[in-house]
Amino acid sequence: KTLWSQLLGVIPQKETTPAMSRGTTLEPLARECFNQSTGFDMKPAVVVSIEHPWMMASLDGMNLEKEILLEIKCPGVKTINMAMEGIIPVNYQVQIQHQFAVTGFDQGYYYCFDGDQGIAISINRDNEMIERIINEGYRFYQSLISLEPLEEWVK
C-alpha cells in the first residue's frame, strides 16, 4: 500500500538512506569486480517486457549474448554472511525472478559485494514464482490505473 501511495503521489517518495547511497556508489565497482572474476561483460540496463508491457526492470547488469542478468547488493554483515552460506534473501529472490519475467532470461547471478570483494550466487528461473509475480503485479498495475486500492487494503 505504501508503494501504491508513493506512485500516485499521495505520500512522499522514500528518502535515500545511507545504505542505499552506499549501494549506488559501490555498484559500478562491484560490476567491474564481477566481470573480472567471471569473464562476463555485464552492462546496466532498463528493460520493458515485450509480453507484459506494464512490467519493467532496472538491471544492475545484463549480457544479451549469453542471456544472463546480474543483481548487485552491497549490504550489511548479516546479508553478506548469508551469501557466504549460499543463501539469497527472499525479497531479492523475488526481485530477480521479476527480472527473469521481464527479460525472458533463464539464468542470472546475485552478487553480494562488501566494498572489496564479492560473492556470486547463480540463480535460475522459477516459473511458478514468476507466474505469481505476474498475476499479483498485474493486479497492482490495474489498481494504479483505476486509482482504486486493492480490496485487501480496505478494512
N, C-alpha and C. Protein backbone atom coordinates (compact mmCIF):
# COMPACT_ATOMS: atom_id res chain seq x y z
N LYS A 1 0.82 -1.19 0.00
CA LYS A 1 0.00 0.00 0.00
C LYS A 1 0.87 1.26 0.00
N THR A 2 2.01 1.21 0.67
CA THR A 2 2.90 2.37 0.72
C THR A 2 3.41 2.71 -0.67
N LEU A 3 3.88 1.70 -1.42
CA LEU A 3 4.39 1.93 -2.77
C LEU A 3 3.28 2.51 -3.65
N TRP A 4 2.08 1.96 -3.55
CA TRP A 4 0.93 2.43 -4.32
C TRP A 4 0.71 3.92 -4.04
N SER A 5 0.72 4.29 -2.77
CA SER A 5 0.51 5.68 -2.37
C SER A 5 1.64 6.58 -2.85
N GLN A 6 2.87 6.07 -2.82
CA GLN A 6 4.01 6.85 -3.31
C GLN A 6 3.91 7.07 -4.81
N LEU A 7 3.58 6.03 -5.56
CA LEU A 7 3.50 6.14 -7.01
C LEU A 7 2.40 7.09 -7.46
N LEU A 8 1.34 7.17 -6.68
CA LEU A 8 0.24 8.08 -7.00
C LEU A 8 0.46 9.47 -6.44
N GLY A 9 1.55 9.69 -5.69
CA GLY A 9 1.86 11.00 -5.14
C GLY A 9 1.05 11.35 -3.91
N VAL A 10 0.40 10.35 -3.31
CA VAL A 10 -0.40 10.59 -2.10
C VAL A 10 0.52 10.84 -0.91
N ILE A 11 1.61 10.12 -0.86
CA ILE A 11 2.62 10.32 0.18
C ILE A 11 3.98 10.51 -0.52
N PRO A 12 4.93 11.16 0.16
CA PRO A 12 6.22 11.39 -0.49
C PRO A 12 7.00 10.10 -0.72
N GLN A 13 7.88 10.14 -1.73
CA GLN A 13 8.77 9.02 -2.02
C GLN A 13 9.67 8.78 -0.82
N LYS A 14 10.13 7.54 -0.69
CA LYS A 14 11.04 7.17 0.38
C LYS A 14 12.35 7.92 0.20
N GLU A 15 12.87 8.47 1.28
CA GLU A 15 14.14 9.18 1.21
C GLU A 15 15.30 8.20 1.08
N THR A 16 16.36 8.65 0.42
CA THR A 16 17.54 7.82 0.23
C THR A 16 18.26 7.66 1.57
N THR A 17 18.48 6.42 1.96
CA THR A 17 19.18 6.13 3.21
C THR A 17 20.69 6.03 2.94
N PRO A 18 21.50 6.11 3.99
CA PRO A 18 22.94 5.90 3.80
C PRO A 18 23.26 4.55 3.16
N ALA A 19 22.51 3.51 3.51
CA ALA A 19 22.74 2.18 2.93
C ALA A 19 22.43 2.19 1.43
N MET A 20 21.37 2.89 1.03
CA MET A 20 21.03 2.99 -0.39
C MET A 20 22.11 3.76 -1.14
N SER A 21 22.60 4.84 -0.56
CA SER A 21 23.67 5.63 -1.19
C SER A 21 24.93 4.80 -1.35
N ARG A 22 25.25 4.00 -0.32
CA ARG A 22 26.43 3.14 -0.38
C ARG A 22 26.32 2.17 -1.55
N GLY A 23 25.15 1.56 -1.70
CA GLY A 23 24.93 0.62 -2.79
C GLY A 23 25.07 1.26 -4.15
N THR A 24 24.51 2.46 -4.30
CA THR A 24 24.60 3.19 -5.57
C THR A 24 26.06 3.53 -5.89
N THR A 25 26.79 3.95 -4.88
CA THR A 25 28.19 4.32 -5.07
C THR A 25 29.06 3.12 -5.43
N LEU A 26 28.81 1.99 -4.76
CA LEU A 26 29.65 0.80 -4.96
C LEU A 26 29.27 -0.04 -6.18
N GLU A 27 28.08 0.16 -6.72
CA GLU A 27 27.60 -0.70 -7.80
C GLU A 27 28.55 -0.79 -9.00
N PRO A 28 29.08 0.33 -9.53
CA PRO A 28 30.00 0.20 -10.68
C PRO A 28 31.24 -0.62 -10.35
N LEU A 29 31.81 -0.43 -9.17
CA LEU A 29 32.98 -1.21 -8.76
C LEU A 29 32.62 -2.68 -8.62
N ALA A 30 31.46 -2.95 -8.03
CA ALA A 30 31.01 -4.33 -7.87
C ALA A 30 30.84 -5.01 -9.23
N ARG A 31 30.22 -4.30 -10.18
CA ARG A 31 30.00 -4.87 -11.52
C ARG A 31 31.35 -5.16 -12.18
N GLU A 32 32.30 -4.23 -12.03
CA GLU A 32 33.63 -4.42 -12.60
C GLU A 32 34.31 -5.65 -11.98
N CYS A 33 34.21 -5.81 -10.67
CA CYS A 33 34.79 -6.98 -10.00
C CYS A 33 34.13 -8.27 -10.47
N PHE A 34 32.80 -8.24 -10.61
CA PHE A 34 32.08 -9.42 -11.10
C PHE A 34 32.55 -9.77 -12.50
N ASN A 35 32.61 -8.76 -13.38
CA ASN A 35 33.05 -9.00 -14.76
C ASN A 35 34.46 -9.57 -14.81
N GLN A 36 35.35 -9.03 -14.01
CA GLN A 36 36.73 -9.52 -14.00
C GLN A 36 36.82 -10.95 -13.49
N SER A 37 36.05 -11.26 -12.46
CA SER A 37 36.14 -12.61 -11.88
C SER A 37 35.45 -13.67 -12.72
N THR A 38 34.46 -13.28 -13.54
CA THR A 38 33.70 -14.27 -14.32
C THR A 38 34.05 -14.25 -15.81
N GLY A 39 34.60 -13.14 -16.28
CA GLY A 39 34.85 -13.01 -17.71
C GLY A 39 33.63 -12.54 -18.50
N PHE A 40 32.51 -12.30 -17.81
CA PHE A 40 31.31 -11.79 -18.47
C PHE A 40 31.45 -10.30 -18.71
N ASP A 41 30.69 -9.80 -19.65
CA ASP A 41 30.63 -8.36 -19.89
C ASP A 41 29.21 -7.90 -19.58
N MET A 42 28.98 -7.62 -18.31
CA MET A 42 27.66 -7.22 -17.87
C MET A 42 27.56 -5.69 -17.89
N LYS A 43 26.44 -5.20 -18.43
CA LYS A 43 26.21 -3.76 -18.50
C LYS A 43 24.83 -3.45 -17.89
N PRO A 44 24.72 -2.31 -17.20
CA PRO A 44 23.41 -1.95 -16.63
C PRO A 44 22.42 -1.65 -17.75
N ALA A 45 21.14 -1.86 -17.46
CA ALA A 45 20.10 -1.61 -18.46
C ALA A 45 18.75 -1.46 -17.77
N VAL A 46 17.87 -0.73 -18.41
CA VAL A 46 16.46 -0.68 -18.01
C VAL A 46 15.70 -1.33 -19.15
N VAL A 47 14.89 -2.34 -18.82
CA VAL A 47 14.20 -3.11 -19.85
C VAL A 47 12.70 -3.17 -19.57
N VAL A 48 11.93 -3.30 -20.65
CA VAL A 48 10.47 -3.42 -20.57
C VAL A 48 10.10 -4.76 -21.19
N SER A 49 9.17 -5.46 -20.56
CA SER A 49 8.72 -6.75 -21.07
C SER A 49 7.96 -6.59 -22.38
N ILE A 50 8.27 -7.45 -23.33
CA ILE A 50 7.52 -7.47 -24.59
C ILE A 50 6.15 -8.11 -24.36
N GLU A 51 6.13 -9.19 -23.60
CA GLU A 51 4.89 -9.92 -23.35
C GLU A 51 3.94 -9.18 -22.40
N HIS A 52 4.51 -8.48 -21.42
CA HIS A 52 3.72 -7.75 -20.42
C HIS A 52 4.26 -6.32 -20.36
N PRO A 53 3.84 -5.44 -21.27
CA PRO A 53 4.44 -4.11 -21.39
C PRO A 53 4.29 -3.22 -20.16
N TRP A 54 3.50 -3.62 -19.21
CA TRP A 54 3.36 -2.88 -17.95
C TRP A 54 4.47 -3.25 -16.96
N MET A 55 5.29 -4.24 -17.31
CA MET A 55 6.39 -4.68 -16.45
C MET A 55 7.71 -4.14 -16.96
N MET A 56 8.52 -3.63 -16.04
CA MET A 56 9.85 -3.19 -16.40
C MET A 56 10.80 -3.52 -15.26
N ALA A 57 12.10 -3.47 -15.56
CA ALA A 57 13.10 -3.76 -14.54
C ALA A 57 14.35 -2.95 -14.82
N SER A 58 14.97 -2.49 -13.76
CA SER A 58 16.26 -1.84 -13.84
C SER A 58 17.29 -2.88 -13.44
N LEU A 59 18.13 -3.27 -14.39
CA LEU A 59 19.10 -4.34 -14.18
C LEU A 59 20.46 -3.76 -13.84
N ASP A 60 21.09 -4.31 -12.81
CA ASP A 60 22.44 -3.89 -12.46
C ASP A 60 23.42 -4.37 -13.52
N GLY A 61 23.07 -5.43 -14.21
CA GLY A 61 23.89 -5.93 -15.30
C GLY A 61 23.14 -6.93 -16.13
N MET A 62 23.42 -6.93 -17.41
CA MET A 62 22.87 -7.95 -18.29
C MET A 62 23.84 -8.19 -19.43
N ASN A 63 23.79 -9.40 -19.97
CA ASN A 63 24.60 -9.77 -21.12
C ASN A 63 23.63 -10.40 -22.12
N LEU A 64 23.32 -9.65 -23.18
CA LEU A 64 22.36 -10.13 -24.18
C LEU A 64 22.84 -11.38 -24.90
N GLU A 65 24.12 -11.43 -25.20
CA GLU A 65 24.68 -12.58 -25.93
C GLU A 65 24.49 -13.87 -25.14
N LYS A 66 24.79 -13.83 -23.85
CA LYS A 66 24.69 -15.03 -23.01
C LYS A 66 23.31 -15.17 -22.34
N GLU A 67 22.48 -14.12 -22.48
CA GLU A 67 21.15 -14.09 -21.87
C GLU A 67 21.22 -14.36 -20.37
N ILE A 68 22.03 -13.57 -19.68
CA ILE A 68 22.12 -13.65 -18.22
C ILE A 68 22.00 -12.25 -17.64
N LEU A 69 21.52 -12.20 -16.41
CA LEU A 69 21.39 -10.92 -15.74
C LEU A 69 22.15 -10.94 -14.42
N LEU A 70 22.34 -9.76 -13.86
CA LEU A 70 23.11 -9.59 -12.63
C LEU A 70 22.37 -8.66 -11.70
N GLU A 71 22.21 -9.10 -10.45
CA GLU A 71 21.65 -8.25 -9.40
C GLU A 71 22.73 -8.07 -8.35
N ILE A 72 23.13 -6.83 -8.13
CA ILE A 72 24.19 -6.49 -7.17
C ILE A 72 23.58 -5.96 -5.89
N LYS A 73 24.10 -6.43 -4.77
CA LYS A 73 23.73 -5.89 -3.46
C LYS A 73 25.02 -5.60 -2.71
N CYS A 74 25.04 -4.48 -2.02
CA CYS A 74 26.18 -4.07 -1.20
C CYS A 74 25.66 -3.90 0.23
N PRO A 75 25.32 -5.02 0.87
CA PRO A 75 24.58 -4.99 2.13
C PRO A 75 25.48 -4.97 3.37
N GLY A 76 24.80 -5.13 4.50
CA GLY A 76 25.49 -5.23 5.77
C GLY A 76 25.99 -6.64 6.03
N VAL A 77 26.60 -6.81 7.19
CA VAL A 77 27.27 -8.06 7.56
C VAL A 77 26.31 -9.25 7.54
N LYS A 78 25.09 -9.09 8.04
CA LYS A 78 24.14 -10.21 8.11
C LYS A 78 23.88 -10.80 6.73
N THR A 79 23.62 -9.95 5.74
CA THR A 79 23.32 -10.43 4.40
C THR A 79 24.57 -10.99 3.72
N ILE A 80 25.72 -10.39 4.00
CA ILE A 80 26.97 -10.93 3.46
C ILE A 80 27.22 -12.33 4.02
N ASN A 81 26.98 -12.52 5.31
CA ASN A 81 27.14 -13.85 5.92
C ASN A 81 26.18 -14.86 5.30
N MET A 82 24.97 -14.42 5.00
CA MET A 82 24.01 -15.30 4.34
C MET A 82 24.55 -15.73 2.98
N ALA A 83 25.09 -14.76 2.21
CA ALA A 83 25.64 -15.07 0.89
C ALA A 83 26.80 -16.06 1.00
N MET A 84 27.60 -15.92 2.04
CA MET A 84 28.72 -16.85 2.23
C MET A 84 28.22 -18.27 2.44
N GLU A 85 26.97 -18.40 2.92
CA GLU A 85 26.35 -19.72 3.10
C GLU A 85 25.51 -20.12 1.89
N GLY A 86 25.54 -19.29 0.84
CA GLY A 86 24.78 -19.60 -0.38
C GLY A 86 23.32 -19.23 -0.30
N ILE A 87 22.96 -18.38 0.65
CA ILE A 87 21.55 -18.02 0.87
C ILE A 87 21.27 -16.63 0.29
N ILE A 88 20.21 -16.54 -0.51
CA ILE A 88 19.74 -15.27 -1.06
C ILE A 88 18.46 -14.91 -0.32
N PRO A 89 18.39 -13.73 0.30
CA PRO A 89 17.14 -13.33 0.98
C PRO A 89 15.94 -13.40 0.03
N VAL A 90 14.80 -13.76 0.58
CA VAL A 90 13.59 -13.98 -0.23
C VAL A 90 13.23 -12.74 -1.05
N ASN A 91 13.32 -11.55 -0.46
CA ASN A 91 12.94 -10.34 -1.21
C ASN A 91 13.83 -10.14 -2.44
N TYR A 92 15.10 -10.53 -2.35
CA TYR A 92 15.99 -10.44 -3.51
C TYR A 92 15.67 -11.54 -4.52
N GLN A 93 15.28 -12.71 -4.03
CA GLN A 93 14.87 -13.78 -4.95
C GLN A 93 13.68 -13.33 -5.79
N VAL A 94 12.71 -12.70 -5.14
CA VAL A 94 11.52 -12.21 -5.85
C VAL A 94 11.93 -11.15 -6.86
N GLN A 95 12.81 -10.24 -6.47
CA GLN A 95 13.28 -9.19 -7.38
C GLN A 95 13.94 -9.80 -8.61
N ILE A 96 14.77 -10.80 -8.43
CA ILE A 96 15.47 -11.42 -9.54
C ILE A 96 14.49 -12.20 -10.43
N GLN A 97 13.52 -12.88 -9.83
CA GLN A 97 12.53 -13.59 -10.63
C GLN A 97 11.69 -12.61 -11.45
N HIS A 98 11.42 -11.44 -10.88
CA HIS A 98 10.73 -10.39 -11.64
C HIS A 98 11.57 -10.00 -12.86
N GLN A 99 12.88 -9.88 -12.65
CA GLN A 99 13.78 -9.54 -13.75
C GLN A 99 13.78 -10.63 -14.82
N PHE A 100 13.71 -11.91 -14.41
CA PHE A 100 13.59 -13.00 -15.38
C PHE A 100 12.29 -12.87 -16.17
N ALA A 101 11.21 -12.52 -15.48
CA ALA A 101 9.91 -12.37 -16.14
C ALA A 101 9.98 -11.28 -17.21
N VAL A 102 10.66 -10.19 -16.90
CA VAL A 102 10.76 -9.07 -17.84
C VAL A 102 11.67 -9.40 -19.02
N THR A 103 12.82 -9.99 -18.74
CA THR A 103 13.82 -10.25 -19.80
C THR A 103 13.55 -11.52 -20.59
N GLY A 104 12.89 -12.50 -19.96
CA GLY A 104 12.74 -13.81 -20.58
C GLY A 104 13.96 -14.69 -20.37
N PHE A 105 14.97 -14.20 -19.67
CA PHE A 105 16.17 -14.98 -19.41
C PHE A 105 15.89 -16.10 -18.42
N ASP A 106 16.77 -17.10 -18.41
CA ASP A 106 16.63 -18.25 -17.52
C ASP A 106 17.71 -18.30 -16.44
N GLN A 107 18.77 -17.51 -16.60
CA GLN A 107 19.88 -17.58 -15.66
C GLN A 107 20.36 -16.19 -15.28
N GLY A 108 20.79 -16.09 -14.02
CA GLY A 108 21.34 -14.83 -13.56
C GLY A 108 22.24 -15.06 -12.36
N TYR A 109 22.76 -13.95 -11.85
CA TYR A 109 23.63 -14.00 -10.68
C TYR A 109 23.23 -12.95 -9.67
N TYR A 110 23.24 -13.36 -8.43
CA TYR A 110 23.12 -12.47 -7.29
C TYR A 110 24.55 -12.25 -6.82
N TYR A 111 24.97 -10.98 -6.76
CA TYR A 111 26.35 -10.66 -6.40
C TYR A 111 26.34 -9.79 -5.16
N CYS A 112 26.80 -10.37 -4.08
CA CYS A 112 26.84 -9.69 -2.78
C CYS A 112 28.25 -9.13 -2.60
N PHE A 113 28.37 -7.81 -2.55
CA PHE A 113 29.66 -7.13 -2.58
C PHE A 113 29.86 -6.32 -1.30
N ASP A 114 31.01 -6.53 -0.66
CA ASP A 114 31.27 -5.84 0.61
C ASP A 114 32.10 -4.57 0.48
N GLY A 115 32.35 -4.14 -0.74
CA GLY A 115 33.16 -2.95 -0.98
C GLY A 115 34.57 -3.30 -1.43
N ASP A 116 34.94 -4.57 -1.24
CA ASP A 116 36.28 -5.04 -1.61
C ASP A 116 36.21 -6.29 -2.48
N GLN A 117 35.36 -7.22 -2.07
CA GLN A 117 35.21 -8.46 -2.82
C GLN A 117 33.75 -8.90 -2.78
N GLY A 118 33.43 -9.82 -3.68
CA GLY A 118 32.04 -10.22 -3.79
C GLY A 118 31.86 -11.72 -3.80
N ILE A 119 30.61 -12.10 -3.57
CA ILE A 119 30.20 -13.50 -3.60
C ILE A 119 29.13 -13.61 -4.67
N ALA A 120 29.39 -14.43 -5.68
CA ALA A 120 28.43 -14.62 -6.78
C ALA A 120 27.67 -15.92 -6.55
N ILE A 121 26.35 -15.82 -6.60
CA ILE A 121 25.49 -16.99 -6.46
C ILE A 121 24.64 -17.09 -7.72
N SER A 122 24.72 -18.21 -8.39
CA SER A 122 23.93 -18.44 -9.59
C SER A 122 22.47 -18.67 -9.19
N ILE A 123 21.56 -18.12 -9.96
CA ILE A 123 20.13 -18.30 -9.69
C ILE A 123 19.44 -18.56 -11.01
N ASN A 124 18.51 -19.50 -10.99
CA ASN A 124 17.77 -19.89 -12.19
C ASN A 124 16.32 -19.44 -12.12
N ARG A 125 15.72 -19.40 -13.26
CA ARG A 125 14.31 -19.03 -13.41
C ARG A 125 13.42 -19.99 -12.63
N ASP A 126 12.42 -19.44 -11.94
CA ASP A 126 11.44 -20.22 -11.21
C ASP A 126 10.07 -19.83 -11.78
N ASN A 127 9.57 -20.65 -12.71
CA ASN A 127 8.34 -20.30 -13.42
C ASN A 127 7.12 -20.19 -12.52
N GLU A 128 7.06 -20.97 -11.45
CA GLU A 128 5.92 -20.86 -10.52
C GLU A 128 5.93 -19.51 -9.82
N MET A 129 7.09 -19.09 -9.34
CA MET A 129 7.18 -17.79 -8.68
C MET A 129 6.89 -16.67 -9.68
N ILE A 130 7.38 -16.82 -10.89
CA ILE A 130 7.16 -15.80 -11.92
C ILE A 130 5.68 -15.66 -12.24
N GLU A 131 4.97 -16.77 -12.29
CA GLU A 131 3.52 -16.71 -12.54
C GLU A 131 2.81 -15.90 -11.44
N ARG A 132 3.20 -16.13 -10.19
CA ARG A 132 2.61 -15.37 -9.07
C ARG A 132 2.98 -13.89 -9.19
N ILE A 133 4.24 -13.60 -9.53
CA ILE A 133 4.69 -12.21 -9.67
C ILE A 133 3.89 -11.50 -10.76
N ILE A 134 3.71 -12.17 -11.89
CA ILE A 134 2.95 -11.56 -13.00
C ILE A 134 1.51 -11.31 -12.58
N ASN A 135 0.87 -12.31 -11.97
CA ASN A 135 -0.53 -12.16 -11.58
C ASN A 135 -0.71 -11.04 -10.55
N GLU A 136 0.12 -11.04 -9.52
CA GLU A 136 -0.01 -10.01 -8.47
C GLU A 136 0.43 -8.65 -9.01
N GLY A 137 1.44 -8.64 -9.85
CA GLY A 137 1.90 -7.38 -10.45
C GLY A 137 0.82 -6.75 -11.32
N TYR A 138 0.10 -7.59 -12.05
CA TYR A 138 -0.96 -7.06 -12.90
C TYR A 138 -2.10 -6.49 -12.06
N ARG A 139 -2.43 -7.17 -10.98
CA ARG A 139 -3.46 -6.65 -10.05
C ARG A 139 -3.03 -5.27 -9.53
N PHE A 140 -1.77 -5.16 -9.13
CA PHE A 140 -1.24 -3.90 -8.60
C PHE A 140 -1.30 -2.81 -9.69
N TYR A 141 -0.86 -3.16 -10.89
CA TYR A 141 -0.88 -2.23 -12.01
C TYR A 141 -2.31 -1.74 -12.27
N GLN A 142 -3.27 -2.65 -12.29
CA GLN A 142 -4.67 -2.27 -12.52
C GLN A 142 -5.18 -1.35 -11.42
N SER A 143 -4.73 -1.57 -10.19
CA SER A 143 -5.17 -0.70 -9.10
C SER A 143 -4.60 0.71 -9.26
N LEU A 144 -3.39 0.81 -9.82
CA LEU A 144 -2.82 2.13 -10.09
C LEU A 144 -3.60 2.84 -11.20
N ILE A 145 -3.93 2.11 -12.26
CA ILE A 145 -4.64 2.68 -13.40
C ILE A 145 -6.04 3.14 -12.99
N SER A 146 -6.71 2.34 -12.18
CA SER A 146 -8.08 2.64 -11.78
C SER A 146 -8.15 3.60 -10.59
N LEU A 147 -6.99 3.84 -9.96
CA LEU A 147 -6.91 4.66 -8.74
C LEU A 147 -7.70 4.05 -7.58
N GLU A 148 -7.91 2.75 -7.66
CA GLU A 148 -8.64 2.02 -6.61
C GLU A 148 -7.67 1.12 -5.86
N PRO A 149 -7.58 1.28 -4.53
CA PRO A 149 -6.70 0.39 -3.77
C PRO A 149 -7.18 -1.06 -3.86
N LEU A 150 -6.26 -1.99 -3.70
CA LEU A 150 -6.63 -3.40 -3.69
C LEU A 150 -7.57 -3.65 -2.51
N GLU A 151 -8.54 -4.52 -2.71
CA GLU A 151 -9.58 -4.72 -1.69
C GLU A 151 -9.02 -5.20 -0.36
N GLU A 152 -7.89 -5.93 -0.37
CA GLU A 152 -7.33 -6.40 0.89
C GLU A 152 -6.72 -5.26 1.72
N TRP A 153 -6.53 -4.09 1.11
CA TRP A 153 -6.02 -2.94 1.85
C TRP A 153 -7.13 -2.17 2.55
N VAL A 154 -8.36 -2.33 2.07
CA VAL A 154 -9.50 -1.60 2.61
C VAL A 154 -10.11 -2.40 3.74
N LYS A 155 -10.21 -1.79 4.89
CA LYS A 155 -10.75 -2.52 6.05
C LYS A 155 -12.10 -1.98 6.44
